[in-house]
Amino acid sequence: MSAPQSTPGPWIFNETRSSRGLLAITTADCTQNIADVFGLPLAEVGHANAALIARAPDLLAECERLRAALADVNAYFVTLQDMQPDSQHGTVGERVRAAVRAALASK
């Protein structure tokens, strides 16, 4: 079974489109509500949280590109210092794969 797909980006945050919250994360064309964000004080926490959530599709895409690039590097340069396992956290590639898996699983 394949993992559920998220709503394609780009996403934006919009103070006027929220039906239940202080800020709404919507598709760029405002046709789909992704999430409502609460945070006080709104000007600080709410906007920061909404901006981060709205960038999620771009962040996930960049992580996937990075994971692919690291796999290529790892195939040719397995002795690179950054690719060596960290006793607590694994290789950079393993950490990126785990972060992407966690993001996809929480959808």
PDB file of N, CA and C in Angstrom:
ATOM      1  N   MET A   1       0.845  -1.175   0.000  1.00  0.00           N
ATOM      2  CA  MET A   1       0.000   0.000   0.000  1.00  0.00           C
ATOM      3  C   MET A   1       0.891   1.239   0.000  1.00  0.00           C
ATOM      4  N   SER A   2       0.594   2.185  -0.844  1.00  0.00           N
ATOM      5  CA  SER A   2       1.401   3.396  -0.923  1.00  0.00           C
ATOM      6  C   SER A   2       0.973   4.402   0.141  1.00  0.00           C
ATOM      7  N   ALA A   3       1.935   5.263   0.491  1.00  0.00           N
ATOM      8  CA  ALA A   3       1.659   6.299   1.497  1.00  0.00           C
ATOM      9  C   ALA A   3       0.678   7.320   0.923  1.00  0.00           C
ATOM     10  N   PRO A   4      -0.201   7.870   1.765  1.00  0.00           N
ATOM     11  CA  PRO A   4      -1.115   8.905   1.279  1.00  0.00           C
ATOM     12  C   PRO A   4      -0.329  10.124   0.787  1.00  0.00           C
ATOM     13  N   GLN A   5      -0.851  10.755  -0.224  1.00  0.00           N
ATOM     14  CA  GLN A   5      -0.207  11.935  -0.783  1.00  0.00           C
ATOM     15  C   GLN A   5      -0.766  13.196  -0.136  1.00  0.00           C
ATOM     16  N   SER A   6       0.115  14.167   0.081  1.00  0.00           N
ATOM     17  CA  SER A   6      -0.336  15.435   0.631  1.00  0.00           C
ATOM     18  C   SER A   6      -0.894  16.312  -0.489  1.00  0.00           C
ATOM     19  N   THR A   7      -1.548  17.372  -0.097  1.00  0.00           N
ATOM     20  CA  THR A   7      -2.036  18.345  -1.061  1.00  0.00           C
ATOM     21  C   THR A   7      -0.828  19.012  -1.706  1.00  0.00           C
ATOM     22  N   PRO A   8      -0.760  19.030  -3.029  1.00  0.00           N
ATOM     23  CA  PRO A   8       0.397  19.637  -3.689  1.00  0.00           C
ATOM     24  C   PRO A   8       0.556  21.120  -3.334  1.00  0.00           C
ATOM     25  N   GLY A   9       1.797  21.565  -3.251  1.00  0.00           N
ATOM     26  CA  GLY A   9       2.082  22.973  -3.014  1.00  0.00           C
ATOM     27  C   GLY A   9       1.927  23.751  -4.300  1.00  0.00           C
ATOM     28  N   PRO A  10       2.139  25.018  -4.295  1.00  0.00           N
ATOM     29  CA  PRO A  10       2.548  25.788  -3.118  1.00  0.00           C
ATOM     30  C   PRO A  10       1.375  26.065  -2.184  1.00  0.00           C
ATOM     31  N   TRP A  11       1.727  26.238  -0.916  1.00  0.00           N
ATOM     32  CA  TRP A  11       0.773  26.625   0.109  1.00  0.00           C
ATOM     33  C   TRP A  11       1.099  28.034   0.568  1.00  0.00           C
ATOM     34  N   ILE A  12       0.102  28.729   1.077  1.00  0.00           N
ATOM     35  CA  ILE A  12       0.302  30.080   1.616  1.00  0.00           C
ATOM     36  C   ILE A  12      -0.436  30.178   2.952  1.00  0.00           C
ATOM     37  N   PHE A  13      -0.122  31.205   3.727  1.00  0.00           N
ATOM     38  CA  PHE A  13      -0.963  31.455   4.903  1.00  0.00           C
ATOM     39  C   PHE A  13      -1.710  32.744   4.682  1.00  0.00           C
ATOM     40  N   ASN A  14      -2.944  32.741   5.163  1.00  0.00           N
ATOM     41  CA  ASN A  14      -3.880  33.791   4.822  1.00  0.00           C
ATOM     42  C   ASN A  14      -4.730  34.109   6.055  1.00  0.00           C
ATOM     43  N   GLU A  15      -4.630  35.314   6.546  1.00  0.00           N
ATOM     44  CA  GLU A  15      -5.389  35.705   7.746  1.00  0.00           C
ATOM     45  C   GLU A  15      -6.887  35.819   7.488  1.00  0.00           C
ATOM     46  N   THR A  16      -7.300  36.013   6.268  1.00  0.00           N
ATOM     47  CA  THR A  16      -8.716  36.259   5.999  1.00  0.00           C
ATOM     48  C   THR A  16      -9.488  35.012   5.607  1.00  0.00           C
ATOM     49  N   ARG A  17      -8.825  33.889   5.375  1.00  0.00           N
ATOM     50  CA  ARG A  17      -9.500  32.693   4.886  1.00  0.00           C
ATOM     51  C   ARG A  17      -9.821  31.670   5.977  1.00  0.00           C
ATOM     52  N   SER A  18      -9.391  31.905   7.194  1.00  0.00           N
ATOM     53  CA  SER A  18      -9.576  30.913   8.241  1.00  0.00           C
ATOM     54  C   SER A  18     -11.025  30.848   8.693  1.00  0.00           C
ATOM     55  N   SER A  19     -11.560  29.630   8.758  1.00  0.00           N
ATOM     56  CA  SER A  19     -12.926  29.454   9.227  1.00  0.00           C
ATOM     57  C   SER A  19     -12.970  29.123  10.715  1.00  0.00           C
ATOM     58  N   ARG A  20     -11.892  28.519  11.245  1.00  0.00           N
ATOM     59  CA  ARG A  20     -11.903  28.084  12.637  1.00  0.00           C
ATOM     60  C   ARG A  20     -10.734  28.650  13.438  1.00  0.00           C
ATOM     61  N   GLY A  21      -9.730  29.192  12.784  1.00  0.00           N
ATOM     62  CA  GLY A  21      -8.540  29.594  13.500  1.00  0.00           C
ATOM     63  C   GLY A  21      -8.142  31.015  13.218  1.00  0.00           C
ATOM     64  N   LEU A  22      -6.985  31.356  13.694  1.00  0.00           N
ATOM     65  CA  LEU A  22      -6.494  32.708  13.518  1.00  0.00           C
ATOM     66  C   LEU A  22      -5.849  32.911  12.151  1.00  0.00           C
ATOM     67  N   LEU A  23      -5.146  31.888  11.690  1.00  0.00           N
ATOM     68  CA  LEU A  23      -4.515  31.942  10.369  1.00  0.00           C
ATOM     69  C   LEU A  23      -4.857  30.662   9.619  1.00  0.00           C
ATOM     70  N   ALA A  24      -5.088  30.762   8.331  1.00  0.00           N
ATOM     71  CA  ALA A  24      -5.366  29.576   7.523  1.00  0.00           C
ATOM     72  C   ALA A  24      -4.200  29.307   6.593  1.00  0.00           C
ATOM     73  N   ILE A  25      -3.804  28.042   6.513  1.00  0.00           N
ATOM     74  CA  ILE A  25      -2.852  27.597   5.500  1.00  0.00           C
ATOM     75  C   ILE A  25      -3.722  27.061   4.373  1.00  0.00           C
ATOM     76  N   THR A  26      -3.569  27.616   3.175  1.00  0.00           N
ATOM     77  CA  THR A  26      -4.382  27.204   2.031  1.00  0.00           C
ATOM     78  C   THR A  26      -3.491  26.930   0.835  1.00  0.00           C
ATOM     79  N   THR A  27      -4.071  26.317  -0.184  1.00  0.00           N
ATOM     80  CA  THR A  27      -3.368  26.229  -1.455  1.00  0.00           C
ATOM     81  C   THR A  27      -3.201  27.659  -1.970  1.00  0.00           C
ATOM     82  N   ALA A  28      -2.240  27.855  -2.859  1.00  0.00           N
ATOM     83  CA  ALA A  28      -1.943  29.210  -3.342  1.00  0.00           C
ATOM     84  C   ALA A  28      -3.157  29.871  -3.998  1.00  0.00           C
ATOM     85  N   ASP A  29      -4.029  29.046  -4.599  1.00  0.00           N
ATOM     86  CA  ASP A  29      -5.219  29.623  -5.231  1.00  0.00           C
ATOM     87  C   ASP A  29      -6.392  29.748  -4.256  1.00  0.00           C
ATOM     88  N   CYS A  30      -6.140  29.444  -2.967  1.00  0.00           N
ATOM     89  CA  CYS A  30      -7.136  29.558  -1.888  1.00  0.00           C
ATOM     90  C   CYS A  30      -8.354  28.667  -2.077  1.00  0.00           C
ATOM     91  N   THR A  31      -8.234  27.576  -2.845  1.00  0.00           N
ATOM     92  CA  THR A  31      -9.371  26.691  -3.057  1.00  0.00           C
ATOM     93  C   THR A  31      -9.449  25.566  -2.035  1.00  0.00           C
ATOM     94  N   GLN A  32      -8.331  25.287  -1.320  1.00  0.00           N
ATOM     95  CA  GLN A  32      -8.333  24.227  -0.325  1.00  0.00           C
ATOM     96  C   GLN A  32      -7.703  24.720   0.965  1.00  0.00           C
ATOM     97  N   ASN A  33      -8.382  24.466   2.070  1.00  0.00           N
ATOM     98  CA  ASN A  33      -7.818  24.776   3.379  1.00  0.00           C
ATOM     99  C   ASN A  33      -6.957  23.594   3.809  1.00  0.00           C
ATOM    100  N   ILE A  34      -5.713  23.841   4.163  1.00  0.00           N
ATOM    101  CA  ILE A  34      -4.799  22.795   4.610  1.00  0.00           C
ATOM    102  C   ILE A  34      -4.867  22.672   6.133  1.00  0.00           C
ATOM    103  N   ALA A  35      -4.777  23.805   6.824  1.00  0.00           N
ATOM    104  CA  ALA A  35      -4.778  23.795   8.291  1.00  0.00           C
ATOM    105  C   ALA A  35      -5.103  25.184   8.807  1.00  0.00           C
ATOM    106  N   ASP A  36      -5.561  25.219  10.042  1.00  0.00           N
ATOM    107  CA  ASP A  36      -5.719  26.480  10.762  1.00  0.00           C
ATOM    108  C   ASP A  36      -4.647  26.519  11.828  1.00  0.00           C
ATOM    109  N   VAL A  37      -4.012  27.678  12.001  1.00  0.00           N
ATOM    110  CA  VAL A  37      -2.905  27.819  12.946  1.00  0.00           C
ATOM    111  C   VAL A  37      -3.304  28.778  14.055  1.00  0.00           C
ATOM    112  N   PHE A  38      -3.107  28.319  15.268  1.00  0.00           N
ATOM    113  CA  PHE A  38      -3.348  29.134  16.448  1.00  0.00           C
ATOM    114  C   PHE A  38      -1.995  29.464  17.055  1.00  0.00           C
ATOM    115  N   GLY A  39      -1.841  30.614  17.632  1.00  0.00           N
ATOM    116  CA  GLY A  39      -0.610  30.980  18.304  1.00  0.00           C
ATOM    117  C   GLY A  39      -0.712  32.389  18.839  1.00  0.00           C
ATOM    118  N   LEU A  40      -0.340  32.539  20.067  1.00  0.00           N
ATOM    119  CA  LEU A  40      -0.384  33.863  20.672  1.00  0.00           C
ATOM    120  C   LEU A  40       0.993  34.226  21.178  1.00  0.00           C
ATOM    121  N   PRO A  41       1.464  35.400  21.041  1.00  0.00           N
ATOM    122  CA  PRO A  41       0.779  36.478  20.312  1.00  0.00           C
ATOM    123  C   PRO A  41       0.815  36.205  18.813  1.00  0.00           C
ATOM    124  N   LEU A  42      -0.303  36.460  18.176  1.00  0.00           N
ATOM    125  CA  LEU A  42      -0.468  36.143  16.759  1.00  0.00           C
ATOM    126  C   LEU A  42       0.648  36.704  15.899  1.00  0.00           C
ATOM    127  N   ALA A  43       1.033  37.944  16.137  1.00  0.00           N
ATOM    128  CA  ALA A  43       2.031  38.584  15.287  1.00  0.00           C
ATOM    129  C   ALA A  43       3.368  37.856  15.333  1.00  0.00           C
ATOM    130  N   GLU A  44       3.681  37.187  16.425  1.00  0.00           N
ATOM    131  CA  GLU A  44       4.971  36.518  16.535  1.00  0.00           C
ATOM    132  C   GLU A  44       4.846  35.022  16.258  1.00  0.00           C
ATOM    133  N   VAL A  45       4.222  34.298  17.157  1.00  0.00           N
ATOM    134  CA  VAL A  45       4.190  32.842  17.083  1.00  0.00           C
ATOM    135  C   VAL A  45       3.303  32.342  15.949  1.00  0.00           C
ATOM    136  N   GLY A  46       2.107  32.874  15.853  1.00  0.00           N
ATOM    137  CA  GLY A  46       1.177  32.411  14.826  1.00  0.00           C
ATOM    138  C   GLY A  46       1.712  32.587  13.421  1.00  0.00           C
ATOM    139  N   HIS A  47       2.243  33.765  13.109  1.00  0.00           N
ATOM    140  CA  HIS A  47       2.797  33.997  11.773  1.00  0.00           C
ATOM    141  C   HIS A  47       4.009  33.116  11.514  1.00  0.00           C
ATOM    142  N   ALA A  48       4.880  32.951  12.501  1.00  0.00           N
ATOM    143  CA  ALA A  48       6.075  32.113  12.316  1.00  0.00           C
ATOM    144  C   ALA A  48       5.666  30.667  12.061  1.00  0.00           C
ATOM    145  N   ASN A  49       4.718  30.152  12.849  1.00  0.00           N
ATOM    146  CA  ASN A  49       4.256  28.777  12.652  1.00  0.00           C
ATOM    147  C   ASN A  49       3.577  28.610  11.296  1.00  0.00           C
ATOM    148  N   ALA A  50       2.731  29.553  10.946  1.00  0.00           N
ATOM    149  CA  ALA A  50       2.021  29.473   9.667  1.00  0.00           C
ATOM    150  C   ALA A  50       2.987  29.521   8.494  1.00  0.00           C
ATOM    151  N   ALA A  51       3.986  30.386   8.562  1.00  0.00           N
ATOM    152  CA  ALA A  51       4.968  30.482   7.476  1.00  0.00           C
ATOM    153  C   ALA A  51       5.739  29.176   7.336  1.00  0.00           C
ATOM    154  N   LEU A  52       6.129  28.572   8.446  1.00  0.00           N
ATOM    155  CA  LEU A  52       6.863  27.304   8.397  1.00  0.00           C
ATOM    156  C   LEU A  52       5.991  26.195   7.814  1.00  0.00           C
ATOM    157  N   ILE A  53       4.755  26.098   8.263  1.00  0.00           N
ATOM    158  CA  ILE A  53       3.856  25.059   7.747  1.00  0.00           C
ATOM    159  C   ILE A  53       3.607  25.270   6.251  1.00  0.00           C
ATOM    160  N   ALA A  54       3.432  26.503   5.836  1.00  0.00           N
ATOM    161  CA  ALA A  54       3.175  26.790   4.426  1.00  0.00           C
ATOM    162  C   ALA A  54       4.350  26.386   3.536  1.00  0.00           C
ATOM    163  N   ARG A  55       5.563  26.344   4.070  1.00  0.00           N
ATOM    164  CA  ARG A  55       6.744  25.955   3.291  1.00  0.00           C
ATOM    165  C   ARG A  55       6.968  24.449   3.283  1.00  0.00           C
ATOM    166  N   ALA A  56       6.122  23.672   3.975  1.00  0.00           N
ATOM    167  CA  ALA A  56       6.305  22.223   4.085  1.00  0.00           C
ATOM    168  C   ALA A  56       6.456  21.512   2.734  1.00  0.00           C
ATOM    169  N   PRO A  57       5.640  21.796   1.723  1.00  0.00           N
ATOM    170  CA  PRO A  57       5.837  21.099   0.445  1.00  0.00           C
ATOM    171  C   PRO A  57       7.217  21.364  -0.158  1.00  0.00           C
ATOM    172  N   ASP A  58       7.699  22.596  -0.067  1.00  0.00           N
ATOM    173  CA  ASP A  58       9.023  22.927  -0.598  1.00  0.00           C
ATOM    174  C   ASP A  58      10.119  22.256   0.221  1.00  0.00           C
ATOM    175  N   LEU A  59       9.970  22.248   1.548  1.00  0.00           N
ATOM    176  CA  LEU A  59      10.964  21.609   2.409  1.00  0.00           C
ATOM    177  C   LEU A  59      11.042  20.113   2.132  1.00  0.00           C
ATOM    178  N   LEU A  60       9.894  19.458   1.979  1.00  0.00           N
ATOM    179  CA  LEU A  60       9.877  18.036   1.682  1.00  0.00           C
ATOM    180  C   LEU A  60      10.536  17.759   0.329  1.00  0.00           C
ATOM    181  N   ALA A  61      10.232  18.553  -0.679  1.00  0.00           N
ATOM    182  CA  ALA A  61      10.842  18.359  -2.001  1.00  0.00           C
ATOM    183  C   ALA A  61      12.356  18.515  -1.936  1.00  0.00           C
ATOM    184  N   GLU A  62      12.833  19.521  -1.201  1.00  0.00           N
ATOM    185  CA  GLU A  62      14.283  19.711  -1.068  1.00  0.00           C
ATOM    186  C   GLU A  62      14.933  18.562  -0.314  1.00  0.00           C
ATOM    187  N   CYS A  63      14.269  18.038   0.710  1.00  0.00           N
ATOM    188  CA  CYS A  63      14.808  16.878   1.441  1.00  0.00           C
ATOM    189  C   CYS A  63      14.905  15.663   0.525  1.00  0.00           C
ATOM    190  N   GLU A  64      13.891  15.469  -0.316  1.00  0.00           N
ATOM    191  CA  GLU A  64      13.930  14.344  -1.240  1.00  0.00           C
ATOM    192  C   GLU A  64      15.047  14.504  -2.259  1.00  0.00           C
ATOM    193  N   ARG A  65      15.269  15.729  -2.760  1.00  0.00           N
ATOM    194  CA  ARG A  65      16.376  15.968  -3.691  1.00  0.00           C
ATOM    195  C   ARG A  65      17.721  15.762  -3.003  1.00  0.00           C
ATOM    196  N   LEU A  66      17.840  16.232  -1.769  1.00  0.00           N
ATOM    197  CA  LEU A  66      19.066  16.054  -1.004  1.00  0.00           C
ATOM    198  C   LEU A  66      19.341  14.574  -0.758  1.00  0.00           C
ATOM    199  N   ARG A  67      18.299  13.829  -0.407  1.00  0.00           N
ATOM    200  CA  ARG A  67      18.456  12.394  -0.173  1.00  0.00           C
ATOM    201  C   ARG A  67      18.980  11.696  -1.430  1.00  0.00           C
ATOM    202  N   ALA A  68      18.449  12.050  -2.595  1.00  0.00           N
ATOM    203  CA  ALA A  68      18.906  11.452  -3.849  1.00  0.00           C
ATOM    204  C   ALA A  68      20.358  11.843  -4.140  1.00  0.00           C
ATOM    205  N   ALA A  69      20.685  13.105  -3.907  1.00  0.00           N
ATOM    206  CA  ALA A  69      22.060  13.562  -4.147  1.00  0.00           C
ATOM    207  C   ALA A  69      23.033  12.869  -3.198  1.00  0.00           C
ATOM    208  N   LEU A  70      22.647  12.717  -1.942  1.00  0.00           N
ATOM    209  CA  LEU A  70      23.516  12.043  -0.977  1.00  0.00           C
ATOM    210  C   LEU A  70      23.706  10.569  -1.335  1.00  0.00           C
ATOM    211  N   ALA A  71      22.677   9.946  -1.882  1.00  0.00           N
ATOM    212  CA  ALA A  71      22.812   8.553  -2.307  1.00  0.00           C
ATOM    213  C   ALA A  71      23.850   8.449  -3.422  1.00  0.00           C
ATOM    214  N   ASP A  72      23.836   9.409  -4.358  1.00  0.00           N
ATOM    215  CA  ASP A  72      24.831   9.421  -5.431  1.00  0.00           C
ATOM    216  C   ASP A  72      26.236   9.625  -4.880  1.00  0.00           C
ATOM    217  N   VAL A  73      26.363  10.584  -3.971  1.00  0.00           N
ATOM    218  CA  VAL A  73      27.676  10.850  -3.357  1.00  0.00           C
ATOM    219  C   VAL A  73      28.143   9.623  -2.585  1.00  0.00           C
ATOM    220  N   ASN A  74      27.245   9.033  -1.827  1.00  0.00           N
ATOM    221  CA  ASN A  74      27.597   7.873  -1.013  1.00  0.00           C
ATOM    222  C   ASN A  74      28.066   6.714  -1.882  1.00  0.00           C
ATOM    223  N   ALA A  75      27.458   6.539  -3.032  1.00  0.00           N
ATOM    224  CA  ALA A  75      27.839   5.453  -3.927  1.00  0.00           C
ATOM    225  C   ALA A  75      29.284   5.594  -4.407  1.00  0.00           C
ATOM    226  N   TYR A  76      29.765   6.807  -4.580  1.00  0.00           N
ATOM    227  CA  TYR A  76      31.108   7.041  -5.096  1.00  0.00           C
ATOM    228  C   TYR A  76      32.127   7.360  -4.008  1.00  0.00           C
ATOM    229  N   PHE A  77      31.686   7.978  -2.924  1.00  0.00           N
ATOM    230  CA  PHE A  77      32.622   8.440  -1.900  1.00  0.00           C
ATOM    231  C   PHE A  77      32.197   7.986  -0.512  1.00  0.00           C
ATOM    232  N   VAL A  78      32.137   6.697  -0.281  1.00  0.00           N
ATOM    233  CA  VAL A  78      31.635   6.178   0.983  1.00  0.00           C
ATOM    234  C   VAL A  78      32.530   6.527   2.165  1.00  0.00           C
ATOM    235  N   THR A  79      33.718   7.020   1.908  1.00  0.00           N
ATOM    236  CA  THR A  79      34.607   7.360   3.011  1.00  0.00           C
ATOM    237  C   THR A  79      34.556   8.838   3.407  1.00  0.00           C
ATOM    238  N   LEU A  80      33.684   9.599   2.781  1.00  0.00           N
ATOM    239  CA  LEU A  80      33.571  11.012   3.165  1.00  0.00           C
ATOM    240  C   LEU A  80      33.219  11.116   4.652  1.00  0.00           C
ATOM    241  N   GLN A  81      33.844  12.027   5.336  1.00  0.00           N
ATOM    242  CA  GLN A  81      33.609  12.181   6.767  1.00  0.00           C
ATOM    243  C   GLN A  81      32.131  12.374   7.098  1.00  0.00           C
ATOM    244  N   ASP A  82      31.412  13.198   6.335  1.00  0.00           N
ATOM    245  CA  ASP A  82      30.012  13.470   6.626  1.00  0.00           C
ATOM    246  C   ASP A  82      29.114  12.258   6.417  1.00  0.00           C
ATOM    247  N   MET A  83      29.594  11.273   5.676  1.00  0.00           N
ATOM    248  CA  MET A  83      28.784  10.104   5.402  1.00  0.00           C
ATOM    249  C   MET A  83      29.058   8.973   6.395  1.00  0.00           C
ATOM    250  N   GLN A  84      30.033   9.138   7.262  1.00  0.00           N
ATOM    251  CA  GLN A  84      30.338   8.103   8.245  1.00  0.00           C
ATOM    252  C   GLN A  84      29.262   8.082   9.313  1.00  0.00           C
ATOM    253  N   PRO A  85      28.920   6.887   9.769  1.00  0.00           N
ATOM    254  CA  PRO A  85      27.876   6.816  10.785  1.00  0.00           C
ATOM    255  C   PRO A  85      28.275   7.550  12.061  1.00  0.00           C
ATOM    256  N   ASP A  86      27.328   8.239  12.593  1.00  0.00           N
ATOM    257  CA  ASP A  86      27.438   8.876  13.902  1.00  0.00           C
ATOM    258  C   ASP A  86      26.877   7.849  14.876  1.00  0.00           C
ATOM    259  N   SER A  87      27.576   7.572  15.955  1.00  0.00           N
ATOM    260  CA  SER A  87      27.169   6.491  16.853  1.00  0.00           C
ATOM    261  C   SER A  87      25.749   6.648  17.375  1.00  0.00           C
ATOM    262  N   GLN A  88      25.231   7.870  17.437  1.00  0.00           N
ATOM    263  CA  GLN A  88      23.889   8.083  17.972  1.00  0.00           C
ATOM    264  C   GLN A  88      22.835   8.294  16.900  1.00  0.00           C
ATOM    265  N   HIS A  89      23.222   8.783  15.732  1.00  0.00           N
ATOM    266  CA  HIS A  89      22.214   9.249  14.769  1.00  0.00           C
ATOM    267  C   HIS A  89      22.316   8.633  13.384  1.00  0.00           C
ATOM    268  N   GLY A  90      23.302   7.817  13.082  1.00  0.00           N
ATOM    269  CA  GLY A  90      23.449   7.236  11.755  1.00  0.00           C
ATOM    270  C   GLY A  90      24.084   8.214  10.776  1.00  0.00           C
ATOM    271  N   THR A  91      24.124   7.818   9.506  1.00  0.00           N
ATOM    272  CA  THR A  91      24.717   8.671   8.490  1.00  0.00           C
ATOM    273  C   THR A  91      23.790   9.842   8.174  1.00  0.00           C
ATOM    274  N   VAL A  92      24.324  10.824   7.475  1.00  0.00           N
ATOM    275  CA  VAL A  92      23.501  11.961   7.041  1.00  0.00           C
ATOM    276  C   VAL A  92      22.339  11.442   6.192  1.00  0.00           C
ATOM    277  N   GLY A  93      22.632  10.532   5.272  1.00  0.00           N
ATOM    278  CA  GLY A  93      21.584   9.967   4.420  1.00  0.00           C
ATOM    279  C   GLY A  93      20.509   9.262   5.220  1.00  0.00           C
ATOM    280  N   GLU A  94      20.913   8.485   6.242  1.00  0.00           N
ATOM    281  CA  GLU A  94      19.932   7.799   7.092  1.00  0.00           C
ATOM    282  C   GLU A  94      19.071   8.796   7.848  1.00  0.00           C
ATOM    283  N   ARG A  95      19.680   9.879   8.318  1.00  0.00           N
ATOM    284  CA  ARG A  95      18.913  10.879   9.055  1.00  0.00           C
ATOM    285  C   ARG A  95      17.919  11.587   8.146  1.00  0.00           C
ATOM    286  N   VAL A  96      18.325  11.893   6.906  1.00  0.00           N
ATOM    287  CA  VAL A  96      17.414  12.536   5.958  1.00  0.00           C
ATOM    288  C   VAL A  96      16.278  11.580   5.607  1.00  0.00           C
ATOM    289  N   ARG A  97      16.610  10.303   5.334  1.00  0.00           N
ATOM    290  CA  ARG A  97      15.564   9.324   5.023  1.00  0.00           C
ATOM    291  C   ARG A  97      14.572   9.206   6.175  1.00  0.00           C
ATOM    292  N   ALA A  98      15.071   9.156   7.402  1.00  0.00           N
ATOM    293  CA  ALA A  98      14.198   9.047   8.571  1.00  0.00           C
ATOM    294  C   ALA A  98      13.300  10.274   8.699  1.00  0.00           C
ATOM    295  N   ALA A  99      13.841  11.468   8.445  1.00  0.00           N
ATOM    296  CA  ALA A  99      13.048  12.695   8.555  1.00  0.00           C
ATOM    297  C   ALA A  99      11.954  12.727   7.484  1.00  0.00           C
ATOM    298  N   VAL A 100      12.288  12.314   6.253  1.00  0.00           N
ATOM    299  CA  VAL A 100      11.293  12.291   5.184  1.00  0.00           C
ATOM    300  C   VAL A 100      10.222  11.239   5.486  1.00  0.00           C
ATOM    301  N   ARG A 101      10.635  10.041   5.962  1.00  0.00           N
ATOM    302  CA  ARG A 101       9.663   9.011   6.322  1.00  0.00           C
ATOM    303  C   ARG A 101       8.722   9.511   7.415  1.00  0.00           C
ATOM    304  N   ALA A 102       9.288  10.186   8.420  1.00  0.00           N
ATOM    305  CA  ALA A 102       8.455  10.700   9.510  1.00  0.00           C
ATOM    306  C   ALA A 102       7.465  11.746   9.007  1.00  0.00           C
ATOM    307  N   ALA A 103       7.928  12.614   8.111  1.00  0.00           N
ATOM    308  CA  ALA A 103       7.026  13.647   7.561  1.00  0.00           C
ATOM    309  C   ALA A 103       5.900  13.015   6.763  1.00  0.00           C
ATOM    310  N   LEU A 104       6.222  11.992   5.964  1.00  0.00           N
ATOM    311  CA  LEU A 104       5.205  11.332   5.158  1.00  0.00           C
ATOM    312  C   LEU A 104       4.250  10.514   6.017  1.00  0.00           C
ATOM    313  N   ALA A 105       4.742   9.927   7.086  1.00  0.00           N
ATOM    314  CA  ALA A 105       3.904   9.101   7.948  1.00  0.00           C
ATOM    315  C   ALA A 105       2.928   9.928   8.762  1.00  0.00           C
ATOM    316  N   SER A 106       3.254  11.183   9.004  1.00  0.00           N
ATOM    317  CA  SER A 106       2.383  12.008   9.844  1.00  0.00           C
ATOM    318  C   SER A 106       1.282  12.691   9.065  1.00  0.00           C
ATOM    319  N   LYS A 107       1.197  12.421   7.783  1.00  0.00           N
ATOM    320  CA  LYS A 107       0.159  13.066   6.968  1.00  0.00           C
ATOM    321  C   LYS A 107      -1.193  12.498   7.294  1.00  0.00           C
TER     322      LYS A 107
END
